[in-house]
Amino acid sequence: LTGDAASTSLEEAHITCNKNGIPKDPKPPKITSGIRLGTPAATTRGFKEKEVSQIADWISQIIHNIEDQSLLEDIKEEVKNLCSNFPVYSE
C-alpha cells in the first residue's frame, strides 16, 4: 500500500490527509510510502480522545480493506455524522 493510495481512499471517506514521504522513502515523491494527518483539524472541531480513537479505527479499516468500496461509503457517512456533531463554526 502506498501513501498515494491510502490518502486517496481516506479522502474519499472525508478523512483529510495527504501522502507524505518517510525517512529514506523508497517510493518517489508522487507516490510516497506514508501519509500525514492534520490533527489541528480534529482539535479545532473539539474532538477528544473518543473521537480521535474512532477516526484511527476508521483509518485502519480503510487501509486494511482498500478495495472495499462499500466499507468506504459506510465510513464516509459515519464521518459526516461525527462532523455534524462537531461543527467548525458554531453560532
C-alpha atoms as a PDB file:
ATOM      1  CA  LEU A   1       0.000   0.000   0.000  1.00  0.00           C
ATOM      2  CA  THR A   2       1.383   3.387  -0.975  1.00  0.00           C
ATOM      3  CA  GLY A   3       0.820   6.746   0.647  1.00  0.00           C
ATOM      4  CA  ASP A   4      -0.873   7.880  -2.545  1.00  0.00           C
ATOM      5  CA  ALA A   5      -3.415   5.016  -2.493  1.00  0.00           C
ATOM      6  CA  ALA A   6      -4.067   5.408   1.236  1.00  0.00           C
ATOM      7  CA  SER A   7      -4.569   9.173   1.033  1.00  0.00           C
ATOM      8  CA  THR A   8      -6.885   8.844  -1.966  1.00  0.00           C
ATOM      9  CA  SER A   9      -9.105   6.308  -0.196  1.00  0.00           C
ATOM     10  CA  LEU A  10      -9.144   8.248   3.069  1.00  0.00           C
ATOM     11  CA  GLU A  11     -10.033  11.469   1.257  1.00  0.00           C
ATOM     12  CA  GLU A  12     -12.946   9.667  -0.420  1.00  0.00           C
ATOM     13  CA  ALA A  13     -14.227   8.898   3.091  1.00  0.00           C
ATOM     14  CA  HIS A  14     -13.790  12.584   4.056  1.00  0.00           C
ATOM     15  CA  ILE A  15     -10.792  11.868   6.299  1.00  0.00           C
ATOM     16  CA  THR A  16      -8.339  14.605   5.431  1.00  0.00           C
ATOM     17  CA  CYS A  17      -4.736  13.598   4.952  1.00  0.00           C
ATOM     18  CA  ASN A  18      -2.030  13.737   2.345  1.00  0.00           C
ATOM     19  CA  LYS A  19       0.599  11.387   1.069  1.00  0.00           C
ATOM     20  CA  ASN A  20       3.928  12.021   2.719  1.00  0.00           C
ATOM     21  CA  GLY A  21       7.415  10.678   2.423  1.00  0.00           C
ATOM     22  CA  ILE A  22       9.059   8.806   5.243  1.00  0.00           C
ATOM     23  CA  PRO A  23      12.766   8.840   6.147  1.00  0.00           C
ATOM     24  CA  LYS A  24      14.750   7.109   3.375  1.00  0.00           C
ATOM     25  CA  ASP A  25      11.493   6.567   1.486  1.00  0.00           C
ATOM     26  CA  PRO A  26      11.971   4.038  -1.322  1.00  0.00           C
ATOM     27  CA  LYS A  27       8.971   5.444  -3.203  1.00  0.00           C
ATOM     28  CA  PRO A  28       9.135   8.565  -5.389  1.00  0.00           C
ATOM     29  CA  PRO A  29       7.622  11.832  -4.080  1.00  0.00           C
ATOM     30  CA  LYS A  30       4.477  11.472  -6.230  1.00  0.00           C
ATOM     31  CA  ILE A  31       3.736   8.068  -4.656  1.00  0.00           C
ATOM     32  CA  THR A  32       5.340   8.025  -1.157  1.00  0.00           C
ATOM     33  CA  SER A  33       5.206   5.337   1.488  1.00  0.00           C
ATOM     34  CA  GLY A  34       3.390   7.294   4.185  1.00  0.00           C
ATOM     35  CA  ILE A  35       0.571   9.696   4.956  1.00  0.00           C
ATOM     36  CA  ARG A  36       0.288  12.779   7.153  1.00  0.00           C
ATOM     37  CA  LEU A  37      -2.813  13.521   9.190  1.00  0.00           C
ATOM     38  CA  GLY A  38      -3.768  17.074  10.103  1.00  0.00           C
ATOM     39  CA  THR A  39      -4.506  16.794  13.804  1.00  0.00           C
ATOM     40  CA  PRO A  40      -5.190  20.550  14.216  1.00  0.00           C
ATOM     41  CA  ALA A  41      -8.426  19.998  12.283  1.00  0.00           C
ATOM     42  CA  ALA A  42      -9.535  17.488  14.919  1.00  0.00           C
ATOM     43  CA  THR A  43      -8.740  19.755  17.847  1.00  0.00           C
ATOM     44  CA  THR A  44     -10.353  22.762  16.148  1.00  0.00           C
ATOM     45  CA  ARG A  45     -13.602  20.783  15.951  1.00  0.00           C
ATOM     46  CA  GLY A  46     -13.307  19.864  19.615  1.00  0.00           C
ATOM     47  CA  PHE A  47     -12.592  16.161  19.137  1.00  0.00           C
ATOM     48  CA  LYS A  48     -11.310  14.436  22.252  1.00  0.00           C
ATOM     49  CA  GLU A  49      -9.768  11.007  22.788  1.00  0.00           C
ATOM     50  CA  LYS A  50     -13.001   9.145  21.999  1.00  0.00           C
ATOM     51  CA  GLU A  51     -13.444  10.813  18.605  1.00  0.00           C
ATOM     52  CA  VAL A  52      -9.780  10.562  17.630  1.00  0.00           C
ATOM     53  CA  SER A  53      -9.798   6.884  18.580  1.00  0.00           C
ATOM     54  CA  GLN A  54     -12.823   6.380  16.309  1.00  0.00           C
ATOM     55  CA  ILE A  55     -11.052   8.149  13.445  1.00  0.00           C
ATOM     56  CA  ALA A  56      -7.988   5.933  13.965  1.00  0.00           C
ATOM     57  CA  ASP A  57     -10.248   2.881  13.776  1.00  0.00           C
ATOM     58  CA  TRP A  58     -11.772   4.110  10.516  1.00  0.00           C
ATOM     59  CA  ILE A  59      -8.311   4.769   9.069  1.00  0.00           C
ATOM     60  CA  SER A  60      -7.244   1.244   9.995  1.00  0.00           C
ATOM     61  CA  GLN A  61     -10.373  -0.286   8.482  1.00  0.00           C
ATOM     62  CA  ILE A  62      -9.878   1.616   5.229  1.00  0.00           C
ATOM     63  CA  ILE A  63      -6.191   0.855   4.765  1.00  0.00           C
ATOM     64  CA  HIS A  64      -6.701  -2.820   5.597  1.00  0.00           C
ATOM     65  CA  ASN A  65      -9.647  -3.077   3.173  1.00  0.00           C
ATOM     66  CA  ILE A  66      -8.525  -0.618   0.496  1.00  0.00           C
ATOM     67  CA  GLU A  67     -10.627  -2.236  -2.242  1.00  0.00           C
ATOM     68  CA  ASP A  68     -13.897  -2.358  -0.266  1.00  0.00           C
ATOM     69  CA  GLN A  69     -15.985   0.470  -1.738  1.00  0.00           C
ATOM     70  CA  SER A  70     -18.999  -0.424   0.405  1.00  0.00           C
ATOM     71  CA  LEU A  71     -16.953  -0.054   3.598  1.00  0.00           C
ATOM     72  CA  LEU A  72     -15.606   3.259   2.326  1.00  0.00           C
ATOM     73  CA  GLU A  73     -19.138   4.565   1.733  1.00  0.00           C
ATOM     74  CA  ASP A  74     -20.276   3.406   5.184  1.00  0.00           C
ATOM     75  CA  ILE A  75     -17.355   5.133   6.880  1.00  0.00           C
ATOM     76  CA  LYS A  76     -17.946   8.271   4.805  1.00  0.00           C
ATOM     77  CA  GLU A  77     -21.468   8.501   6.255  1.00  0.00           C
ATOM     78  CA  GLU A  78     -20.153   7.926   9.785  1.00  0.00           C
ATOM     79  CA  VAL A  79     -17.564  10.679   9.276  1.00  0.00           C
ATOM     80  CA  LYS A  80     -20.308  13.062   8.108  1.00  0.00           C
ATOM     81  CA  ASN A  81     -22.375  12.233  11.200  1.00  0.00           C
ATOM     82  CA  LEU A  82     -19.419  12.763  13.530  1.00  0.00           C
ATOM     83  CA  CYS A  83     -18.514  16.089  11.940  1.00  0.00           C
ATOM     84  CA  SER A  84     -22.118  17.312  12.075  1.00  0.00           C
ATOM     85  CA  ASN A  85     -21.914  16.965  15.872  1.00  0.00           C
ATOM     86  CA  PHE A  86     -18.678  19.000  15.961  1.00  0.00           C
ATOM     87  CA  PRO A  87     -19.107  21.919  13.547  1.00  0.00           C
ATOM     88  CA  VAL A  88     -16.082  24.057  12.749  1.00  0.00           C
ATOM     89  CA  TYR A  89     -18.120  27.209  13.259  1.00  0.00           C
ATOM     90  CA  SER A  90     -20.854  27.308  15.853  1.00  0.00           C
ATOM     91  CA  GLU A  91     -23.389  30.072  16.223  1.00  0.00           C
END
